[in-house]
Amino acid sequence: QVQLVESGGGLVQAGDSLRLSCAASTRTFSNFAMGWFRQAPGKEREFVATISWSGGSTYYADSVKGRFTISRDNAKNTVYLQMNSLKPEDTAVYSCAAGPFARTDHTTYDYWGQGTQVTVSS
């Protein structure tokens, strides 16, 4: 069983930056691909970014490409999402997930965190 705990969310203004963290409680963290997803009220869960187990491969949703950066520190069992130039439409609950493959499909991930709220005011 893998437990994931997100942190770093908050209320910011448009144009600001935030860094989300996701800490995993497993000794096999480096075996997992990690992903970030978000869900806004009344909307479906949306893929944001994913990173392979080694960190060598990353992939982003078009809506965040060039603004968000996913990274991981396997020594700290943590994955990060650096979010720059935030927009009001980035407002959502952001969740991290762990799975065998770095995919955009949320159904391929086995473990999920509870999520952290990000609110961007205009």
PDB file of N, CA and C in Angstrom:
ATOM      1  N   GLN A   1       0.836  -1.188   0.000  1.00  0.00           N
ATOM      2  CA  GLN A   1       0.000   0.000   0.000  1.00  0.00           C
ATOM      3  C   GLN A   1       0.869   1.234   0.000  1.00  0.00           C
ATOM      4  N   VAL A   2       0.512   2.210  -0.806  1.00  0.00           N
ATOM      5  CA  VAL A   2       1.250   3.466  -0.909  1.00  0.00           C
ATOM      6  C   VAL A   2       0.337   4.593  -0.481  1.00  0.00           C
ATOM      7  N   GLN A   3       0.804   5.381   0.460  1.00  0.00           N
ATOM      8  CA  GLN A   3       0.049   6.570   0.870  1.00  0.00           C
ATOM      9  C   GLN A   3       0.721   7.801   0.292  1.00  0.00           C
ATOM     10  N   LEU A   4      -0.095   8.687  -0.267  1.00  0.00           N
ATOM     11  CA  LEU A   4       0.393   9.905  -0.885  1.00  0.00           C
ATOM     12  C   LEU A   4      -0.235  11.102  -0.179  1.00  0.00           C
ATOM     13  N   VAL A   5       0.588  12.077   0.169  1.00  0.00           N
ATOM     14  CA  VAL A   5       0.103  13.264   0.862  1.00  0.00           C
ATOM     15  C   VAL A   5       0.595  14.502   0.131  1.00  0.00           C
ATOM     16  N   GLU A   6      -0.360  15.285  -0.381  1.00  0.00           N
ATOM     17  CA  GLU A   6      -0.030  16.524  -1.088  1.00  0.00           C
ATOM     18  C   GLU A   6       0.037  17.696  -0.118  1.00  0.00           C
ATOM     19  N   SER A   7       0.811  18.681  -0.497  1.00  0.00           N
ATOM     20  CA  SER A   7       0.891  19.924   0.260  1.00  0.00           C
ATOM     21  C   SER A   7       1.315  21.041  -0.681  1.00  0.00           C
ATOM     22  N   GLY A   8       1.141  22.276  -0.217  1.00  0.00           N
ATOM     23  CA  GLY A   8       1.612  23.420  -0.983  1.00  0.00           C
ATOM     24  C   GLY A   8       0.536  24.220  -1.677  1.00  0.00           C
ATOM     25  N   GLY A   9      -0.708  23.775  -1.598  1.00  0.00           N
ATOM     26  CA  GLY A   9      -1.779  24.532  -2.230  1.00  0.00           C
ATOM     27  C   GLY A   9      -2.068  25.814  -1.478  1.00  0.00           C
ATOM     28  N   GLY A  10      -2.932  26.638  -2.056  1.00  0.00           N
ATOM     29  CA  GLY A  10      -3.297  27.882  -1.399  1.00  0.00           C
ATOM     30  C   GLY A  10      -4.014  28.828  -2.325  1.00  0.00           C
ATOM     31  N   LEU A  11      -4.191  30.037  -1.836  1.00  0.00           N
ATOM     32  CA  LEU A  11      -4.864  31.103  -2.587  1.00  0.00           C
ATOM     33  C   LEU A  11      -3.802  32.078  -3.075  1.00  0.00           C
ATOM     34  N   VAL A  12      -3.744  32.266  -4.384  1.00  0.00           N
ATOM     35  CA  VAL A  12      -2.775  33.181  -4.976  1.00  0.00           C
ATOM     36  C   VAL A  12      -3.461  34.045  -6.014  1.00  0.00           C
ATOM     37  N   GLN A  13      -2.751  35.049  -6.481  1.00  0.00           N
ATOM     38  CA  GLN A  13      -3.277  35.910  -7.538  1.00  0.00           C
ATOM     39  C   GLN A  13      -2.772  35.439  -8.900  1.00  0.00           C
ATOM     40  N   ALA A  14      -3.485  35.823  -9.919  1.00  0.00           N
ATOM     41  CA  ALA A  14      -3.067  35.488 -11.278  1.00  0.00           C
ATOM     42  C   ALA A  14      -1.645  35.996 -11.521  1.00  0.00           C
ATOM     43  N   GLY A  15      -0.827  35.136 -12.122  1.00  0.00           N
ATOM     44  CA  GLY A  15       0.560  35.476 -12.379  1.00  0.00           C
ATOM     45  C   GLY A  15       1.531  34.977 -11.322  1.00  0.00           C
ATOM     46  N   ASP A  16       1.004  34.584 -10.179  1.00  0.00           N
ATOM     47  CA  ASP A  16       1.855  34.089  -9.100  1.00  0.00           C
ATOM     48  C   ASP A  16       2.299  32.654  -9.365  1.00  0.00           C
ATOM     49  N   SER A  17       3.136  32.167  -8.468  1.00  0.00           N
ATOM     50  CA  SER A  17       3.645  30.792  -8.556  1.00  0.00           C
ATOM     51  C   SER A  17       3.337  30.031  -7.277  1.00  0.00           C
ATOM     52  N   LEU A  18       3.258  28.713  -7.427  1.00  0.00           N
ATOM     53  CA  LEU A  18       3.109  27.799  -6.299  1.00  0.00           C
ATOM     54  C   LEU A  18       3.899  26.547  -6.616  1.00  0.00           C
ATOM     55  N   ARG A  19       4.382  25.885  -5.567  1.00  0.00           N
ATOM     56  CA  ARG A  19       5.003  24.576  -5.753  1.00  0.00           C
ATOM     57  C   ARG A  19       4.262  23.571  -4.891  1.00  0.00           C
ATOM     58  N   LEU A  20       3.687  22.583  -5.551  1.00  0.00           N
ATOM     59  CA  LEU A  20       3.026  21.497  -4.848  1.00  0.00           C
ATOM     60  C   LEU A  20       4.015  20.370  -4.603  1.00  0.00           C
ATOM     61  N   SER A  21       3.839  19.707  -3.474  1.00  0.00           N
ATOM     62  CA  SER A  21       4.650  18.534  -3.145  1.00  0.00           C
ATOM     63  C   SER A  21       3.734  17.350  -2.878  1.00  0.00           C
ATOM     64  N   CYS A  22       4.242  16.180  -3.158  1.00  0.00           N
ATOM     65  CA  CYS A  22       3.504  14.951  -2.881  1.00  0.00           C
ATOM     66  C   CYS A  22       4.497  13.965  -2.281  1.00  0.00           C
ATOM     67  N   ALA A  23       4.307  13.660  -1.011  1.00  0.00           N
ATOM     68  CA  ALA A  23       5.198  12.749  -0.309  1.00  0.00           C
ATOM     69  C   ALA A  23       4.587  11.352  -0.273  1.00  0.00           C
ATOM     70  N   ALA A  24       5.409  10.364  -0.598  1.00  0.00           N
ATOM     71  CA  ALA A  24       4.936   8.974  -0.654  1.00  0.00           C
ATOM     72  C   ALA A  24       5.521   8.161   0.493  1.00  0.00           C
ATOM     73  N   SER A  25       4.682   7.339   1.085  1.00  0.00           N
ATOM     74  CA  SER A  25       5.116   6.488   2.200  1.00  0.00           C
ATOM     75  C   SER A  25       5.405   5.088   1.700  1.00  0.00           C
ATOM     76  N   THR A  26       6.454   4.964   0.932  1.00  0.00           N
ATOM     77  CA  THR A  26       6.843   3.660   0.427  1.00  0.00           C
ATOM     78  C   THR A  26       8.337   3.647   0.148  1.00  0.00           C
ATOM     79  N   ARG A  27       8.963   2.487   0.372  1.00  0.00           N
ATOM     80  CA  ARG A  27      10.387   2.356   0.083  1.00  0.00           C
ATOM     81  C   ARG A  27      10.635   2.080  -1.391  1.00  0.00           C
ATOM     82  N   THR A  28       9.537   1.831  -2.116  1.00  0.00           N
ATOM     83  CA  THR A  28       9.665   1.504  -3.537  1.00  0.00           C
ATOM     84  C   THR A  28       9.193   2.658  -4.420  1.00  0.00           C
ATOM     85  N   PHE A  29       9.306   3.878  -3.918  1.00  0.00           N
ATOM     86  CA  PHE A  29       8.835   5.055  -4.646  1.00  0.00           C
ATOM     87  C   PHE A  29       9.447   5.116  -6.034  1.00  0.00           C
ATOM     88  N   SER A  30      10.714   4.768  -6.149  1.00  0.00           N
ATOM     89  CA  SER A  30      11.399   4.874  -7.435  1.00  0.00           C
ATOM     90  C   SER A  30      10.884   3.861  -8.452  1.00  0.00           C
ATOM     91  N   ASN A  31      10.030   2.931  -8.035  1.00  0.00           N
ATOM     92  CA  ASN A  31       9.435   1.980  -8.963  1.00  0.00           C
ATOM     93  C   ASN A  31       8.203   2.531  -9.675  1.00  0.00           C
ATOM     94  N   PHE A  32       7.701   3.676  -9.176  1.00  0.00           N
ATOM     95  CA  PHE A  32       6.432   4.190  -9.670  1.00  0.00           C
ATOM     96  C   PHE A  32       6.606   5.402 -10.575  1.00  0.00           C
ATOM     97  N   ALA A  33       5.820   5.426 -11.628  1.00  0.00           N
ATOM     98  CA  ALA A  33       5.594   6.678 -12.348  1.00  0.00           C
ATOM     99  C   ALA A  33       4.624   7.508 -11.507  1.00  0.00           C
ATOM    100  N   MET A  34       4.740   8.821 -11.610  1.00  0.00           N
ATOM    101  CA  MET A  34       3.895   9.714 -10.813  1.00  0.00           C
ATOM    102  C   MET A  34       3.178  10.693 -11.724  1.00  0.00           C
ATOM    103  N   GLY A  35       1.970  11.014 -11.331  1.00  0.00           N
ATOM    104  CA  GLY A  35       1.194  11.954 -12.123  1.00  0.00           C
ATOM    105  C   GLY A  35       0.504  12.982 -11.240  1.00  0.00           C
ATOM    106  N   TRP A  36       0.211  14.117 -11.842  1.00  0.00           N
ATOM    107  CA  TRP A  36      -0.612  15.154 -11.197  1.00  0.00           C
ATOM    108  C   TRP A  36      -1.875  15.308 -12.026  1.00  0.00           C
ATOM    109  N   PHE A  37      -2.994  15.358 -11.339  1.00  0.00           N
ATOM    110  CA  PHE A  37      -4.293  15.584 -11.963  1.00  0.00           C
ATOM    111  C   PHE A  37      -5.002  16.688 -11.189  1.00  0.00           C
ATOM    112  N   ARG A  38      -6.001  17.277 -11.815  1.00  0.00           N
ATOM    113  CA  ARG A  38      -6.773  18.300 -11.116  1.00  0.00           C
ATOM    114  C   ARG A  38      -8.241  18.170 -11.452  1.00  0.00           C
ATOM    115  N   GLN A  39      -9.050  18.666 -10.543  1.00  0.00           N
ATOM    116  CA  GLN A  39     -10.496  18.634 -10.762  1.00  0.00           C
ATOM    117  C   GLN A  39     -11.103  19.915 -10.218  1.00  0.00           C
ATOM    118  N   ALA A  40     -11.745  20.647 -11.107  1.00  0.00           N
ATOM    119  CA  ALA A  40     -12.443  21.865 -10.734  1.00  0.00           C
ATOM    120  C   ALA A  40     -13.899  21.519 -10.446  1.00  0.00           C
ATOM    121  N   PRO A  41     -14.586  22.353  -9.671  1.00  0.00           N
ATOM    122  CA  PRO A  41     -15.990  22.077  -9.350  1.00  0.00           C
ATOM    123  C   PRO A  41     -16.841  21.927 -10.598  1.00  0.00           C
ATOM    124  N   GLY A  42     -17.605  20.861 -10.648  1.00  0.00           N
ATOM    125  CA  GLY A  42     -18.492  20.634 -11.768  1.00  0.00           C
ATOM    126  C   GLY A  42     -17.820  20.117 -13.021  1.00  0.00           C
ATOM    127  N   LYS A  43     -16.515  19.834 -12.928  1.00  0.00           N
ATOM    128  CA  LYS A  43     -15.782  19.356 -14.098  1.00  0.00           C
ATOM    129  C   LYS A  43     -15.176  17.989 -13.815  1.00  0.00           C
ATOM    130  N   GLU A  44     -14.814  17.299 -14.886  1.00  0.00           N
ATOM    131  CA  GLU A  44     -14.177  16.005 -14.738  1.00  0.00           C
ATOM    132  C   GLU A  44     -12.710  16.155 -14.357  1.00  0.00           C
ATOM    133  N   ARG A  45     -12.171  15.073 -13.806  1.00  0.00           N
ATOM    134  CA  ARG A  45     -10.756  15.068 -13.482  1.00  0.00           C
ATOM    135  C   ARG A  45      -9.936  15.248 -14.757  1.00  0.00           C
ATOM    136  N   GLU A  46      -8.891  16.063 -14.652  1.00  0.00           N
ATOM    137  CA  GLU A  46      -8.103  16.440 -15.822  1.00  0.00           C
ATOM    138  C   GLU A  46      -6.633  16.126 -15.582  1.00  0.00           C
ATOM    139  N   PHE A  47      -6.000  15.531 -16.583  1.00  0.00           N
ATOM    140  CA  PHE A  47      -4.569  15.276 -16.515  1.00  0.00           C
ATOM    141  C   PHE A  47      -3.784  16.587 -16.554  1.00  0.00           C
ATOM    142  N   VAL A  48      -2.735  16.662 -15.726  1.00  0.00           N
ATOM    143  CA  VAL A  48      -1.888  17.849 -15.701  1.00  0.00           C
ATOM    144  C   VAL A  48      -0.472  17.513 -16.181  1.00  0.00           C
ATOM    145  N   ALA A  49       0.167  16.544 -15.509  1.00  0.00           N
ATOM    146  CA  ALA A  49       1.553  16.205 -15.850  1.00  0.00           C
ATOM    147  C   ALA A  49       1.876  14.829 -15.309  1.00  0.00           C
ATOM    148  N   THR A  50       2.881  14.201 -15.923  1.00  0.00           N
ATOM    149  CA  THR A  50       3.337  12.907 -15.449  1.00  0.00           C
ATOM    150  C   THR A  50       4.846  12.798 -15.623  1.00  0.00           C
ATOM    151  N   ILE A  51       5.456  11.949 -14.804  1.00  0.00           N
ATOM    152  CA  ILE A  51       6.899  11.763 -14.843  1.00  0.00           C
ATOM    153  C   ILE A  51       7.206  10.281 -14.640  1.00  0.00           C
ATOM    154  N   SER A  52       8.179   9.798 -15.401  1.00  0.00           N
ATOM    155  CA  SER A  52       8.559   8.397 -15.295  1.00  0.00           C
ATOM    156  C   SER A  52       9.280   8.120 -13.983  1.00  0.00           C
ATOM    157  N   TRP A  53       9.504   6.842 -13.688  1.00  0.00           N
ATOM    158  CA  TRP A  53      10.110   6.453 -12.412  1.00  0.00           C
ATOM    159  C   TRP A  53      11.495   7.073 -12.233  1.00  0.00           C
ATOM    160  N   SER A  54      12.225   7.214 -13.328  1.00  0.00           N
ATOM    161  CA  SER A  54      13.583   7.762 -13.242  1.00  0.00           C
ATOM    162  C   SER A  54      13.606   9.275 -13.319  1.00  0.00           C
ATOM    163  N   GLY A  55      12.492   9.858 -13.739  1.00  0.00           N
ATOM    164  CA  GLY A  55      12.479  11.298 -13.978  1.00  0.00           C
ATOM    165  C   GLY A  55      12.945  11.677 -15.366  1.00  0.00           C
ATOM    166  N   GLY A  56      13.291  10.678 -16.156  1.00  0.00           N
ATOM    167  CA  GLY A  56      13.826  10.961 -17.470  1.00  0.00           C
ATOM    168  C   GLY A  56      12.806  11.350 -18.514  1.00  0.00           C
ATOM    169  N   SER A  57      11.557  11.027 -18.247  1.00  0.00           N
ATOM    170  CA  SER A  57      10.489  11.367 -19.192  1.00  0.00           C
ATOM    171  C   SER A  57       9.383  12.114 -18.477  1.00  0.00           C
ATOM    172  N   THR A  58       8.948  13.179 -19.104  1.00  0.00           N
ATOM    173  CA  THR A  58       7.834  13.961 -18.578  1.00  0.00           C
ATOM    174  C   THR A  58       6.873  14.279 -19.707  1.00  0.00           C
ATOM    175  N   TYR A  59       5.625  14.538 -19.333  1.00  0.00           N
ATOM    176  CA  TYR A  59       4.604  14.888 -20.320  1.00  0.00           C
ATOM    177  C   TYR A  59       3.605  15.795 -19.651  1.00  0.00           C
ATOM    178  N   TYR A  60       3.135  16.800 -20.432  1.00  0.00           N
ATOM    179  CA  TYR A  60       2.254  17.809 -19.873  1.00  0.00           C
ATOM    180  C   TYR A  60       0.986  17.975 -20.703  1.00  0.00           C
ATOM    181  N   ALA A  61      -0.052  18.380 -20.030  1.00  0.00           N
ATOM    182  CA  ALA A  61      -1.251  18.803 -20.744  1.00  0.00           C
ATOM    183  C   ALA A  61      -0.928  20.092 -21.483  1.00  0.00           C
ATOM    184  N   ASP A  62      -1.558  20.274 -22.634  1.00  0.00           N
ATOM    185  CA  ASP A  62      -1.293  21.482 -23.418  1.00  0.00           C
ATOM    186  C   ASP A  62      -1.615  22.749 -22.630  1.00  0.00           C
ATOM    187  N   SER A  63      -2.588  22.660 -21.761  1.00  0.00           N
ATOM    188  CA  SER A  63      -3.032  23.843 -21.020  1.00  0.00           C
ATOM    189  C   SER A  63      -1.996  24.345 -20.011  1.00  0.00           C
ATOM    190  N   VAL A  64      -1.031  23.481 -19.647  1.00  0.00           N
ATOM    191  CA  VAL A  64      -0.035  23.893 -18.637  1.00  0.00           C
ATOM    192  C   VAL A  64       1.386  23.887 -19.197  1.00  0.00           C
ATOM    193  N   LYS A  65       1.554  23.403 -20.403  1.00  0.00           N
ATOM    194  CA  LYS A  65       2.890  23.289 -20.990  1.00  0.00           C
ATOM    195  C   LYS A  65       3.560  24.652 -21.038  1.00  0.00           C
ATOM    196  N   GLY A  66       4.805  24.690 -20.578  1.00  0.00           N
ATOM    197  CA  GLY A  66       5.554  25.933 -20.558  1.00  0.00           C
ATOM    198  C   GLY A  66       5.357  26.740 -19.281  1.00  0.00           C
ATOM    199  N   ARG A  67       4.365  26.373 -18.475  1.00  0.00           N
ATOM    200  CA  ARG A  67       4.107  27.079 -17.206  1.00  0.00           C
ATOM    201  C   ARG A  67       4.366  26.181 -15.991  1.00  0.00           C
ATOM    202  N   PHE A  68       4.060  24.896 -16.138  1.00  0.00           N
ATOM    203  CA  PHE A  68       4.201  23.950 -15.028  1.00  0.00           C
ATOM    204  C   PHE A  68       5.390  23.024 -15.301  1.00  0.00           C
ATOM    205  N   THR A  69       6.044  22.601 -14.224  1.00  0.00           N
ATOM    206  CA  THR A  69       7.154  21.652 -14.324  1.00  0.00           C
ATOM    207  C   THR A  69       6.997  20.580 -13.263  1.00  0.00           C
ATOM    208  N   ILE A  70       7.007  19.328 -13.693  1.00  0.00           N
ATOM    209  CA  ILE A  70       6.968  18.205 -12.772  1.00  0.00           C
ATOM    210  C   ILE A  70       8.381  17.686 -12.564  1.00  0.00           C
ATOM    211  N   SER A  71       8.691  17.326 -11.328  1.00  0.00           N
ATOM    212  CA  SER A  71      10.007  16.770 -11.020  1.00  0.00           C
ATOM    213  C   SER A  71       9.863  15.821  -9.842  1.00  0.00           C
ATOM    214  N   ARG A  72      10.888  15.060  -9.581  1.00  0.00           N
ATOM    215  CA  ARG A  72      10.835  14.115  -8.467  1.00  0.00           C
ATOM    216  C   ARG A  72      12.209  13.984  -7.821  1.00  0.00           C
ATOM    217  N   ASP A  73      12.186  13.643  -6.541  1.00  0.00           N
ATOM    218  CA  ASP A  73      13.401  13.360  -5.798  1.00  0.00           C
ATOM    219  C   ASP A  73      13.195  11.988  -5.168  1.00  0.00           C
ATOM    220  N   ASN A  74      13.750  10.988  -5.780  1.00  0.00           N
ATOM    221  CA  ASN A  74      13.526   9.620  -5.298  1.00  0.00           C
ATOM    222  C   ASN A  74      14.159   9.375  -3.937  1.00  0.00           C
ATOM    223  N   ALA A  75      15.185  10.137  -3.599  1.00  0.00           N
ATOM    224  CA  ALA A  75      15.799   9.992  -2.275  1.00  0.00           C
ATOM    225  C   ALA A  75      14.871  10.492  -1.176  1.00  0.00           C
ATOM    226  N   LYS A  76      13.975  11.407  -1.540  1.00  0.00           N
ATOM    227  CA  LYS A  76      13.025  11.973  -0.570  1.00  0.00           C
ATOM    228  C   LYS A  76      11.609  11.435  -0.755  1.00  0.00           C
ATOM    229  N   ASN A  77      11.443  10.502  -1.691  1.00  0.00           N
ATOM    230  CA  ASN A  77      10.115   9.930  -1.953  1.00  0.00           C
ATOM    231  C   ASN A  77       9.075  11.016  -2.231  1.00  0.00           C
ATOM    232  N   THR A  78       9.457  11.999  -3.016  1.00  0.00           N
ATOM    233  CA  THR A  78       8.601  13.153  -3.233  1.00  0.00           C
ATOM    234  C   THR A  78       8.577  13.548  -4.704  1.00  0.00           C
ATOM    235  N   VAL A  79       7.409  13.914  -5.163  1.00  0.00           N
ATOM    236  CA  VAL A  79       7.241  14.483  -6.500  1.00  0.00           C
ATOM    237  C   VAL A  79       6.713  15.906  -6.338  1.00  0.00           C
ATOM    238  N   TYR A  80       7.125  16.764  -7.246  1.00  0.00           N
ATOM    239  CA  TYR A  80       6.787  18.189  -7.159  1.00  0.00           C
ATOM    240  C   TYR A  80       6.061  18.638  -8.416  1.00  0.00           C
ATOM    241  N   LEU A  81       5.296  19.711  -8.255  1.00  0.00           N
ATOM    242  CA  LEU A  81       4.702  20.378  -9.404  1.00  0.00           C
ATOM    243  C   LEU A  81       4.923  21.879  -9.201  1.00  0.00           C
ATOM    244  N   GLN A  82       5.864  22.423  -9.950  1.00  0.00           N
ATOM    245  CA  GLN A  82       6.115  23.857  -9.926  1.00  0.00           C
ATOM    246  C   GLN A  82       5.153  24.527 -10.899  1.00  0.00           C
ATOM    247  N   MET A  83       4.359  25.438 -10.391  1.00  0.00           N
ATOM    248  CA  MET A  83       3.335  26.089 -11.200  1.00  0.00           C
ATOM    249  C   MET A  83       3.641  27.590 -11.268  1.00  0.00           C
ATOM    250  N   ASN A  84       3.939  28.057 -12.444  1.00  0.00           N
ATOM    251  CA  ASN A  84       4.237  29.471 -12.664  1.00  0.00           C
ATOM    252  C   ASN A  84       3.155  30.114 -13.525  1.00  0.00           C
ATOM    253  N   SER A  85       3.108  31.415 -13.489  1.00  0.00           N
ATOM    254  CA  SER A  85       2.151  32.174 -14.312  1.00  0.00           C
ATOM    255  C   SER A  85       0.746  31.611 -14.162  1.00  0.00           C
ATOM    256  N   LEU A  86       0.324  31.438 -12.940  1.00  0.00           N
ATOM    257  CA  LEU A  86      -0.976  30.832 -12.680  1.00  0.00           C
ATOM    258  C   LEU A  86      -2.106  31.689 -13.208  1.00  0.00           C
ATOM    259  N   LYS A  87      -3.151  31.008 -13.653  1.00  0.00           N
ATOM    260  CA  LYS A  87      -4.334  31.664 -14.210  1.00  0.00           C
ATOM    261  C   LYS A  87      -5.564  31.249 -13.391  1.00  0.00           C
ATOM    262  N   PRO A  88      -6.608  32.039 -13.420  1.00  0.00           N
ATOM    263  CA  PRO A  88      -7.831  31.653 -12.697  1.00  0.00           C
ATOM    264  C   PRO A  88      -8.347  30.275 -13.116  1.00  0.00           C
ATOM    265  N   GLU A  89      -8.161  29.935 -14.379  1.00  0.00           N
ATOM    266  CA  GLU A  89      -8.642  28.625 -14.854  1.00  0.00           C
ATOM    267  C   GLU A  89      -7.810  27.457 -14.332  1.00  0.00           C
ATOM    268  N   ASP A  90      -6.736  27.735 -13.625  1.00  0.00           N
ATOM    269  CA  ASP A  90      -5.965  26.678 -12.968  1.00  0.00           C
ATOM    270  C   ASP A  90      -6.568  26.306 -11.609  1.00  0.00           C
ATOM    271  N   THR A  91      -7.567  27.041 -11.179  1.00  0.00           N
ATOM    272  CA  THR A  91      -8.209  26.757  -9.901  1.00  0.00           C
ATOM    273  C   THR A  91      -8.825  25.364  -9.905  1.00  0.00           C
ATOM    274  N   ALA A  92      -8.431  24.549  -8.920  1.00  0.00           N
ATOM    275  CA  ALA A  92      -8.895  23.170  -8.844  1.00  0.00           C
ATOM    276  C   ALA A  92      -8.291  22.506  -7.609  1.00  0.00           C
ATOM    277  N   VAL A  93      -8.764  21.308  -7.334  1.00  0.00           N
ATOM    278  CA  VAL A  93      -8.096  20.438  -6.367  1.00  0.00           C
ATOM    279  C   VAL A  93      -7.079  19.614  -7.141  1.00  0.00           C
ATOM    280  N   TYR A  94      -5.837  19.696  -6.712  1.00  0.00           N
ATOM    281  CA  TYR A  94      -4.744  18.985  -7.377  1.00  0.00           C
ATOM    282  C   TYR A  94      -4.393  17.732  -6.584  1.00  0.00           C
ATOM    283  N   SER A  95      -4.341  16.615  -7.303  1.00  0.00           N
ATOM    284  CA  SER A  95      -4.032  15.330  -6.657  1.00  0.00           C
ATOM    285  C   SER A  95      -2.856  14.673  -7.355  1.00  0.00           C
ATOM    286  N   CYS A  96      -2.034  14.014  -6.564  1.00  0.00           N
ATOM    287  CA  CYS A  96      -0.960  13.223  -7.153  1.00  0.00           C
ATOM    288  C   CYS A  96      -1.373  11.753  -7.162  1.00  0.00           C
ATOM    289  N   ALA A  97      -0.752  11.001  -8.040  1.00  0.00           N
ATOM    290  CA  ALA A  97      -1.092   9.597  -8.201  1.00  0.00           C
ATOM    291  C   ALA A  97       0.159   8.807  -8.558  1.00  0.00           C
ATOM    292  N   ALA A  98       0.173   7.539  -8.165  1.00  0.00           N
ATOM    293  CA  ALA A  98       1.298   6.648  -8.446  1.00  0.00           C
ATOM    294  C   ALA A  98       0.812   5.443  -9.228  1.00  0.00           C
ATOM    295  N   GLY A  99       1.597   5.056 -10.218  1.00  0.00           N
ATOM    296  CA  GLY A  99       1.220   3.911 -11.028  1.00  0.00           C
ATOM    297  C   GLY A  99       2.411   3.349 -11.764  1.00  0.00           C
ATOM    298  N   PRO A 100       2.196   2.278 -12.505  1.00  0.00           N
ATOM    299  CA  PRO A 100       3.317   1.611 -13.180  1.00  0.00           C
ATOM    300  C   PRO A 100       3.824   2.341 -14.425  1.00  0.00           C
ATOM    301  N   PHE A 101       2.982   3.193 -14.996  1.00  0.00           N
ATOM    302  CA  PHE A 101       3.357   3.861 -16.237  1.00  0.00           C
ATOM    303  C   PHE A 101       3.061   5.355 -16.182  1.00  0.00           C
ATOM    304  N   ALA A 102       3.860   6.118 -16.877  1.00  0.00           N
ATOM    305  CA  ALA A 102       3.650   7.564 -16.961  1.00  0.00           C
ATOM    306  C   ALA A 102       2.632   7.839 -18.067  1.00  0.00           C
ATOM    307  N   ARG A 103       1.379   7.793 -17.706  1.00  0.00           N
ATOM    308  CA  ARG A 103       0.297   7.924 -18.683  1.00  0.00           C
ATOM    309  C   ARG A 103      -0.584   9.127 -18.357  1.00  0.00           C
ATOM    310  N   THR A 104      -1.375   9.538 -19.326  1.00  0.00           N
ATOM    311  CA  THR A 104      -2.300  10.651 -19.116  1.00  0.00           C
ATOM    312  C   THR A 104      -3.644  10.157 -18.606  1.00  0.00           C
ATOM    313  N   ASP A 105      -3.891   8.861 -18.727  1.00  0.00           N
ATOM    314  CA  ASP A 105      -5.166   8.267 -18.334  1.00  0.00           C
ATOM    315  C   ASP A 105      -5.173   7.993 -16.833  1.00  0.00           C
ATOM    316  N   HIS A 106      -6.072   8.627 -16.106  1.00  0.00           N
ATOM    317  CA  HIS A 106      -6.079   8.491 -14.647  1.00  0.00           C
ATOM    318  C   HIS A 106      -6.391   7.066 -14.205  1.00  0.00           C
ATOM    319  N   THR A 107      -7.028   6.283 -15.053  1.00  0.00           N
ATOM    320  CA  THR A 107      -7.382   4.922 -14.652  1.00  0.00           C
ATOM    321  C   THR A 107      -6.170   3.993 -14.577  1.00  0.00           C
ATOM    322  N   THR A 108      -5.037   4.441 -15.085  1.00  0.00           N
ATOM    323  CA  THR A 108      -3.831   3.601 -15.042  1.00  0.00           C
ATOM    324  C   THR A 108      -3.043   3.783 -13.749  1.00  0.00           C
ATOM    325  N   TYR A 109      -3.495   4.679 -12.887  1.00  0.00           N
ATOM    326  CA  TYR A 109      -2.807   4.927 -11.615  1.00  0.00           C
ATOM    327  C   TYR A 109      -3.494   4.153 -10.490  1.00  0.00           C
ATOM    328  N   ASP A 110      -2.680   3.605  -9.618  1.00  0.00           N
ATOM    329  CA  ASP A 110      -3.195   2.726  -8.572  1.00  0.00           C
ATOM    330  C   ASP A 110      -3.417   3.419  -7.237  1.00  0.00           C
ATOM    331  N   TYR A 111      -2.652   4.447  -6.963  1.00  0.00           N
ATOM    332  CA  TYR A 111      -2.710   5.097  -5.652  1.00  0.00           C
ATOM    333  C   TYR A 111      -2.892   6.597  -5.835  1.00  0.00           C
ATOM    334  N   TRP A 112      -3.688   7.169  -4.934  1.00  0.00           N
ATOM    335  CA  TRP A 112      -4.048   8.587  -5.040  1.00  0.00           C
ATOM    336  C   TRP A 112      -3.928   9.268  -3.686  1.00  0.00           C
ATOM    337  N   GLY A 113      -3.544  10.542  -3.735  1.00  0.00           N
ATOM    338  CA  GLY A 113      -3.580  11.358  -2.542  1.00  0.00           C
ATOM    339  C   GLY A 113      -4.946  11.997  -2.375  1.00  0.00           C
ATOM    340  N   GLN A 114      -5.112  12.714  -1.274  1.00  0.00           N
ATOM    341  CA  GLN A 114      -6.399  13.350  -0.972  1.00  0.00           C
ATOM    342  C   GLN A 114      -6.602  14.652  -1.747  1.00  0.00           C
ATOM    343  N   GLY A 115      -5.522  15.235  -2.186  1.00  0.00           N
ATOM    344  CA  GLY A 115      -5.639  16.465  -2.954  1.00  0.00           C
ATOM    345  C   GLY A 115      -5.354  17.706  -2.125  1.00  0.00           C
ATOM    346  N   THR A 116      -4.964  18.756  -2.828  1.00  0.00           N
ATOM    347  CA  THR A 116      -4.735  20.057  -2.208  1.00  0.00           C
ATOM    348  C   THR A 116      -5.367  21.133  -3.080  1.00  0.00           C
ATOM    349  N   GLN A 117      -6.029  22.080  -2.445  1.00  0.00           N
ATOM    350  CA  GLN A 117      -6.773  23.108  -3.184  1.00  0.00           C
ATOM    351  C   GLN A 117      -5.834  24.204  -3.664  1.00  0.00           C
ATOM    352  N   VAL A 118      -5.972  24.543  -4.915  1.00  0.00           N
ATOM    353  CA  VAL A 118      -5.288  25.694  -5.500  1.00  0.00           C
ATOM    354  C   VAL A 118      -6.354  26.641  -6.023  1.00  0.00           C
ATOM    355  N   THR A 119      -6.317  27.867  -5.541  1.00  0.00           N
ATOM    356  CA  THR A 119      -7.271  28.875  -5.976  1.00  0.00           C
ATOM    357  C   THR A 119      -6.505  30.078  -6.494  1.00  0.00           C
ATOM    358  N   VAL A 120      -6.814  30.469  -7.715  1.00  0.00           N
ATOM    359  CA  VAL A 120      -6.141  31.592  -8.359  1.00  0.00           C
ATOM    360  C   VAL A 120      -7.169  32.677  -8.604  1.00  0.00           C
ATOM    361  N   SER A 121      -6.957  33.817  -7.976  1.00  0.00           N
ATOM    362  CA  SER A 121      -7.880  34.929  -8.142  1.00  0.00           C
ATOM    363  C   SER A 121      -7.410  35.844  -9.269  1.00  0.00           C
ATOM    364  N   SER A 122      -8.358  36.478  -9.908  1.00  0.00           N
ATOM    365  CA  SER A 122      -8.024  37.361 -11.052  1.00  0.00           C
ATOM    366  C   SER A 122      -7.729  38.779 -10.593  1.00  0.00           C
TER     367      SER A 122
END
